[in-house]
Amino acid sequence: MIEVRLLKPSKRQIIRYPAIVIARDAHSVTVQATWRLGVVDLGLFRIEPGDVMIETFYRDRWYNIFRVQQPAGPTRGWYCNLARPAQIDETTIETEDLDIDVIVSADRRYVIVADSDEYAARDLARTEPATDAAVQAAIAELRDLIARGVPPFA
């Protein structure tokens, strides 16, 4: 068991939940958790209570990838959270949400960038240009991985 901590500074929130480690290497950890909050409509699909979340956090990438599965197994889609690289140790994963997301349909045909207005309100392009450049590069990288069907988008 590991604790996931999603820091949301712009909303002054820390979301914490337990997860089961299912894979780990020098650069990432993949965990499984169950969605216990209410329904979230992401436009291309919904996250519903009881959904299985297969979440990959990276030490060296500016995003996390959450595969959302129905309890019976079919994938609903992917939710990619643009975030600072995760801090990972044996008991904790901690990552800072940067308020912009990439949402992917289950068939990978549709990709939307969501919450760009929230991201723009943080004004990172002006206050942290290196962070903004990393976020823009991460979005381009995600689009490429999605188009090619590279895991976890397989």
C-alpha atoms as a PDB file:
ATOM      1  CA  MET A   1       0.000   0.000   0.000  1.00  0.00           C
ATOM      2  CA  ILE A   2       1.140   3.538  -0.782  1.00  0.00           C
ATOM      3  CA  GLU A   3      -0.423   6.940  -0.134  1.00  0.00           C
ATOM      4  CA  VAL A   4      -1.031   9.201  -3.129  1.00  0.00           C
ATOM      5  CA  ARG A   5      -1.027  12.953  -2.437  1.00  0.00           C
ATOM      6  CA  LEU A   6      -2.273  15.258  -5.164  1.00  0.00           C
ATOM      7  CA  LEU A   7      -1.354  18.832  -4.284  1.00  0.00           C
ATOM      8  CA  LYS A   8      -3.626  21.491  -5.743  1.00  0.00           C
ATOM      9  CA  PRO A   9      -2.085  24.816  -4.656  1.00  0.00           C
ATOM     10  CA  SER A  10      -4.453  27.002  -6.684  1.00  0.00           C
ATOM     11  CA  LYS A  11      -7.398  25.422  -4.848  1.00  0.00           C
ATOM     12  CA  ARG A  12      -5.553  25.085  -1.534  1.00  0.00           C
ATOM     13  CA  GLN A  13      -6.269  21.350  -1.480  1.00  0.00           C
ATOM     14  CA  ILE A  14      -4.401  18.152  -0.833  1.00  0.00           C
ATOM     15  CA  ILE A  15      -6.208  15.028  -1.975  1.00  0.00           C
ATOM     16  CA  ARG A  16      -4.977  11.870  -0.252  1.00  0.00           C
ATOM     17  CA  TYR A  17      -5.919   8.266  -0.874  1.00  0.00           C
ATOM     18  CA  PRO A  18      -4.465   4.778  -0.533  1.00  0.00           C
ATOM     19  CA  ALA A  19      -3.425   2.758  -3.571  1.00  0.00           C
ATOM     20  CA  ILE A  20      -1.876  -0.600  -4.331  1.00  0.00           C
ATOM     21  CA  VAL A  21       1.488  -0.614  -6.124  1.00  0.00           C
ATOM     22  CA  ILE A  22       1.289  -2.810  -9.223  1.00  0.00           C
ATOM     23  CA  ALA A  23       4.571  -1.814 -10.948  1.00  0.00           C
ATOM     24  CA  ARG A  24       7.637   0.209 -10.062  1.00  0.00           C
ATOM     25  CA  ASP A  25      10.892   1.102 -11.782  1.00  0.00           C
ATOM     26  CA  ALA A  26      13.555   3.778 -11.412  1.00  0.00           C
ATOM     27  CA  HIS A  27      11.428   6.401 -13.199  1.00  0.00           C
ATOM     28  CA  SER A  28       7.820   5.625 -12.328  1.00  0.00           C
ATOM     29  CA  VAL A  29       5.317   3.831 -10.177  1.00  0.00           C
ATOM     30  CA  THR A  30       1.949   2.472 -11.281  1.00  0.00           C
ATOM     31  CA  VAL A  31      -0.795   2.032  -8.719  1.00  0.00           C
ATOM     32  CA  GLN A  32      -4.384   0.878  -8.591  1.00  0.00           C
ATOM     33  CA  ALA A  33      -7.063   2.714  -6.655  1.00  0.00           C
ATOM     34  CA  THR A  34     -10.844   2.728  -6.553  1.00  0.00           C
ATOM     35  CA  TRP A  35     -12.741   5.951  -7.297  1.00  0.00           C
ATOM     36  CA  ARG A  36     -14.770   6.728  -4.175  1.00  0.00           C
ATOM     37  CA  LEU A  37     -15.970  10.254  -4.919  1.00  0.00           C
ATOM     38  CA  GLY A  38     -18.992  11.321  -6.957  1.00  0.00           C
ATOM     39  CA  VAL A  39     -19.496  11.237 -10.703  1.00  0.00           C
ATOM     40  CA  VAL A  40     -17.098  13.429 -12.691  1.00  0.00           C
ATOM     41  CA  ASP A  41     -18.067  14.237 -16.271  1.00  0.00           C
ATOM     42  CA  LEU A  42     -14.910  14.783 -18.307  1.00  0.00           C
ATOM     43  CA  GLY A  43     -16.759  15.384 -21.564  1.00  0.00           C
ATOM     44  CA  LEU A  44     -15.433  12.328 -23.410  1.00  0.00           C
ATOM     45  CA  PHE A  45     -16.353   9.974 -20.563  1.00  0.00           C
ATOM     46  CA  ARG A  46     -17.404   9.945 -16.924  1.00  0.00           C
ATOM     47  CA  ILE A  47     -15.613   8.700 -13.831  1.00  0.00           C
ATOM     48  CA  GLU A  48     -18.102   6.945 -11.570  1.00  0.00           C
ATOM     49  CA  PRO A  49     -17.947   5.575  -8.016  1.00  0.00           C
ATOM     50  CA  GLY A  50     -16.358   2.126  -8.026  1.00  0.00           C
ATOM     51  CA  ASP A  51     -14.322   2.725 -11.191  1.00  0.00           C
ATOM     52  CA  VAL A  52     -10.825   1.255 -11.130  1.00  0.00           C
ATOM     53  CA  MET A  53      -8.053   3.789 -11.614  1.00  0.00           C
ATOM     54  CA  ILE A  54      -4.712   2.548 -12.949  1.00  0.00           C
ATOM     55  CA  GLU A  55      -2.449   5.519 -12.284  1.00  0.00           C
ATOM     56  CA  THR A  56       1.141   6.007 -13.446  1.00  0.00           C
ATOM     57  CA  PHE A  57       3.274   8.683 -11.802  1.00  0.00           C
ATOM     58  CA  TYR A  58       6.666   9.681 -13.210  1.00  0.00           C
ATOM     59  CA  ARG A  59       9.746  11.124 -11.509  1.00  0.00           C
ATOM     60  CA  ASP A  60      10.979  12.604 -14.792  1.00  0.00           C
ATOM     61  CA  ARG A  61       7.842  13.624 -16.715  1.00  0.00           C
ATOM     62  CA  TRP A  62       5.485  16.577 -16.346  1.00  0.00           C
ATOM     63  CA  TYR A  63       2.323  14.475 -16.276  1.00  0.00           C
ATOM     64  CA  ASN A  64       0.553  11.540 -14.631  1.00  0.00           C
ATOM     65  CA  ILE A  65      -1.650   9.157 -16.599  1.00  0.00           C
ATOM     66  CA  PHE A  66      -4.819   7.658 -15.107  1.00  0.00           C
ATOM     67  CA  ARG A  67      -6.531   4.858 -17.029  1.00  0.00           C
ATOM     68  CA  VAL A  68     -10.163   4.783 -15.932  1.00  0.00           C
ATOM     69  CA  GLN A  69     -11.846   1.381 -16.074  1.00  0.00           C
ATOM     70  CA  GLN A  70     -15.369   0.299 -15.325  1.00  0.00           C
ATOM     71  CA  PRO A  71     -15.519  -2.147 -12.395  1.00  0.00           C
ATOM     72  CA  ALA A  72     -16.160  -4.994 -14.873  1.00  0.00           C
ATOM     73  CA  GLY A  73     -13.009  -4.093 -16.794  1.00  0.00           C
ATOM     74  CA  PRO A  74     -13.640  -2.073 -19.997  1.00  0.00           C
ATOM     75  CA  THR A  75     -11.623   1.147 -20.250  1.00  0.00           C
ATOM     76  CA  ARG A  76     -13.689   4.338 -20.151  1.00  0.00           C
ATOM     77  CA  GLY A  77     -10.735   6.522 -21.188  1.00  0.00           C
ATOM     78  CA  TRP A  78      -7.618   8.207 -19.879  1.00  0.00           C
ATOM     79  CA  TYR A  79      -7.204  11.286 -17.748  1.00  0.00           C
ATOM     80  CA  CYS A  80      -3.748  12.855 -18.033  1.00  0.00           C
ATOM     81  CA  ASN A  81      -2.958  15.324 -15.314  1.00  0.00           C
ATOM     82  CA  LEU A  82      -0.253  17.856 -16.188  1.00  0.00           C
ATOM     83  CA  ALA A  83       1.844  18.110 -13.047  1.00  0.00           C
ATOM     84  CA  ARG A  84       5.340  18.669 -11.786  1.00  0.00           C
ATOM     85  CA  PRO A  85       7.401  15.456 -11.746  1.00  0.00           C
ATOM     86  CA  ALA A  86       6.282  13.241  -8.869  1.00  0.00           C
ATOM     87  CA  GLN A  87       8.199  12.757  -5.646  1.00  0.00           C
ATOM     88  CA  ILE A  88       8.130   9.010  -5.006  1.00  0.00           C
ATOM     89  CA  ASP A  89       9.393   6.976  -2.073  1.00  0.00           C
ATOM     90  CA  GLU A  90       8.448   3.634  -0.552  1.00  0.00           C
ATOM     91  CA  THR A  91       5.313   4.917   1.206  1.00  0.00           C
ATOM     92  CA  THR A  92       4.236   8.070  -0.649  1.00  0.00           C
ATOM     93  CA  ILE A  93       3.669   9.539  -4.095  1.00  0.00           C
ATOM     94  CA  GLU A  94       3.347  13.320  -4.124  1.00  0.00           C
ATOM     95  CA  THR A  95       2.644  15.448  -7.170  1.00  0.00           C
ATOM     96  CA  GLU A  96       1.587  19.047  -7.800  1.00  0.00           C
ATOM     97  CA  ASP A  97      -1.353  19.536 -10.163  1.00  0.00           C
ATOM     98  CA  LEU A  98      -0.783  22.315 -12.703  1.00  0.00           C
ATOM     99  CA  ASP A  99      -4.510  22.794 -13.480  1.00  0.00           C
ATOM    100  CA  ILE A 100      -4.503  21.588 -17.086  1.00  0.00           C
ATOM    101  CA  ASP A 101      -5.454  18.112 -18.287  1.00  0.00           C
ATOM    102  CA  VAL A 102      -5.530  15.950 -21.385  1.00  0.00           C
ATOM    103  CA  ILE A 103      -8.636  13.755 -21.690  1.00  0.00           C
ATOM    104  CA  VAL A 104      -8.587  10.759 -24.060  1.00  0.00           C
ATOM    105  CA  SER A 105     -11.507   8.631 -25.253  1.00  0.00           C
ATOM    106  CA  ALA A 106     -11.296   4.846 -24.847  1.00  0.00           C
ATOM    107  CA  ASP A 107     -10.680   4.371 -28.583  1.00  0.00           C
ATOM    108  CA  ARG A 108      -8.027   7.165 -28.556  1.00  0.00           C
ATOM    109  CA  ARG A 109      -9.849   8.902 -31.448  1.00  0.00           C
ATOM    110  CA  TYR A 110     -10.713  11.972 -29.393  1.00  0.00           C
ATOM    111  CA  VAL A 111      -8.310  14.035 -27.316  1.00  0.00           C
ATOM    112  CA  ILE A 112      -9.144  17.288 -25.585  1.00  0.00           C
ATOM    113  CA  VAL A 113      -7.057  19.666 -23.523  1.00  0.00           C
ATOM    114  CA  ALA A 114      -9.223  20.666 -20.566  1.00  0.00           C
ATOM    115  CA  ASP A 115      -9.020  23.421 -17.963  1.00  0.00           C
ATOM    116  CA  SER A 116      -6.667  25.578 -20.011  1.00  0.00           C
ATOM    117  CA  ASP A 117      -8.422  28.641 -18.549  1.00  0.00           C
ATOM    118  CA  GLU A 118      -7.489  27.543 -15.008  1.00  0.00           C
ATOM    119  CA  TYR A 119      -3.920  26.974 -16.160  1.00  0.00           C
ATOM    120  CA  ALA A 120      -3.767  30.383 -17.836  1.00  0.00           C
ATOM    121  CA  ALA A 121      -5.031  32.016 -14.634  1.00  0.00           C
ATOM    122  CA  ARG A 122      -1.916  30.737 -12.842  1.00  0.00           C
ATOM    123  CA  ASP A 123       0.136  32.859 -15.282  1.00  0.00           C
ATOM    124  CA  LEU A 124       3.037  30.390 -15.358  1.00  0.00           C
ATOM    125  CA  ALA A 125       4.007  31.534 -18.851  1.00  0.00           C
ATOM    126  CA  ARG A 126       5.104  34.810 -17.240  1.00  0.00           C
ATOM    127  CA  THR A 127       6.078  33.774 -13.699  1.00  0.00           C
ATOM    128  CA  GLU A 128       7.684  30.394 -14.469  1.00  0.00           C
ATOM    129  CA  PRO A 129       8.521  30.256 -18.181  1.00  0.00           C
ATOM    130  CA  ALA A 130      10.573  27.050 -17.808  1.00  0.00           C
ATOM    131  CA  THR A 131       7.598  25.324 -16.167  1.00  0.00           C
ATOM    132  CA  ASP A 132       5.273  26.546 -18.908  1.00  0.00           C
ATOM    133  CA  ALA A 133       7.674  25.263 -21.577  1.00  0.00           C
ATOM    134  CA  ALA A 134       7.795  21.868 -19.823  1.00  0.00           C
ATOM    135  CA  VAL A 135       3.979  21.722 -19.715  1.00  0.00           C
ATOM    136  CA  GLN A 136       3.662  22.582 -23.418  1.00  0.00           C
ATOM    137  CA  ALA A 137       6.278  19.941 -24.299  1.00  0.00           C
ATOM    138  CA  ALA A 138       4.439  17.399 -22.099  1.00  0.00           C
ATOM    139  CA  ILE A 139       1.153  18.036 -23.929  1.00  0.00           C
ATOM    140  CA  ALA A 140       2.910  17.465 -27.265  1.00  0.00           C
ATOM    141  CA  GLU A 141       4.518  14.283 -25.914  1.00  0.00           C
ATOM    142  CA  LEU A 142       1.174  12.968 -24.662  1.00  0.00           C
ATOM    143  CA  ARG A 143      -0.469  13.655 -28.037  1.00  0.00           C
ATOM    144  CA  ASP A 144       2.318  11.667 -29.729  1.00  0.00           C
ATOM    145  CA  LEU A 145       2.058   8.711 -27.293  1.00  0.00           C
ATOM    146  CA  ILE A 146      -1.732   8.658 -27.689  1.00  0.00           C
ATOM    147  CA  ALA A 147      -1.551   8.749 -31.510  1.00  0.00           C
ATOM    148  CA  ARG A 148       0.948   5.880 -31.546  1.00  0.00           C
ATOM    149  CA  GLY A 149      -0.924   3.815 -28.949  1.00  0.00           C
ATOM    150  CA  VAL A 150       2.147   3.518 -26.756  1.00  0.00           C
ATOM    151  CA  PRO A 151       1.458   2.046 -23.282  1.00  0.00           C
ATOM    152  CA  PRO A 152      -0.375   2.954 -21.188  1.00  0.00           C
ATOM    153  CA  PHE A 153      -2.486   4.085 -24.176  1.00  0.00           C
ATOM    154  CA  ALA A 154      -2.637   0.570 -25.628  1.00  0.00           C
END
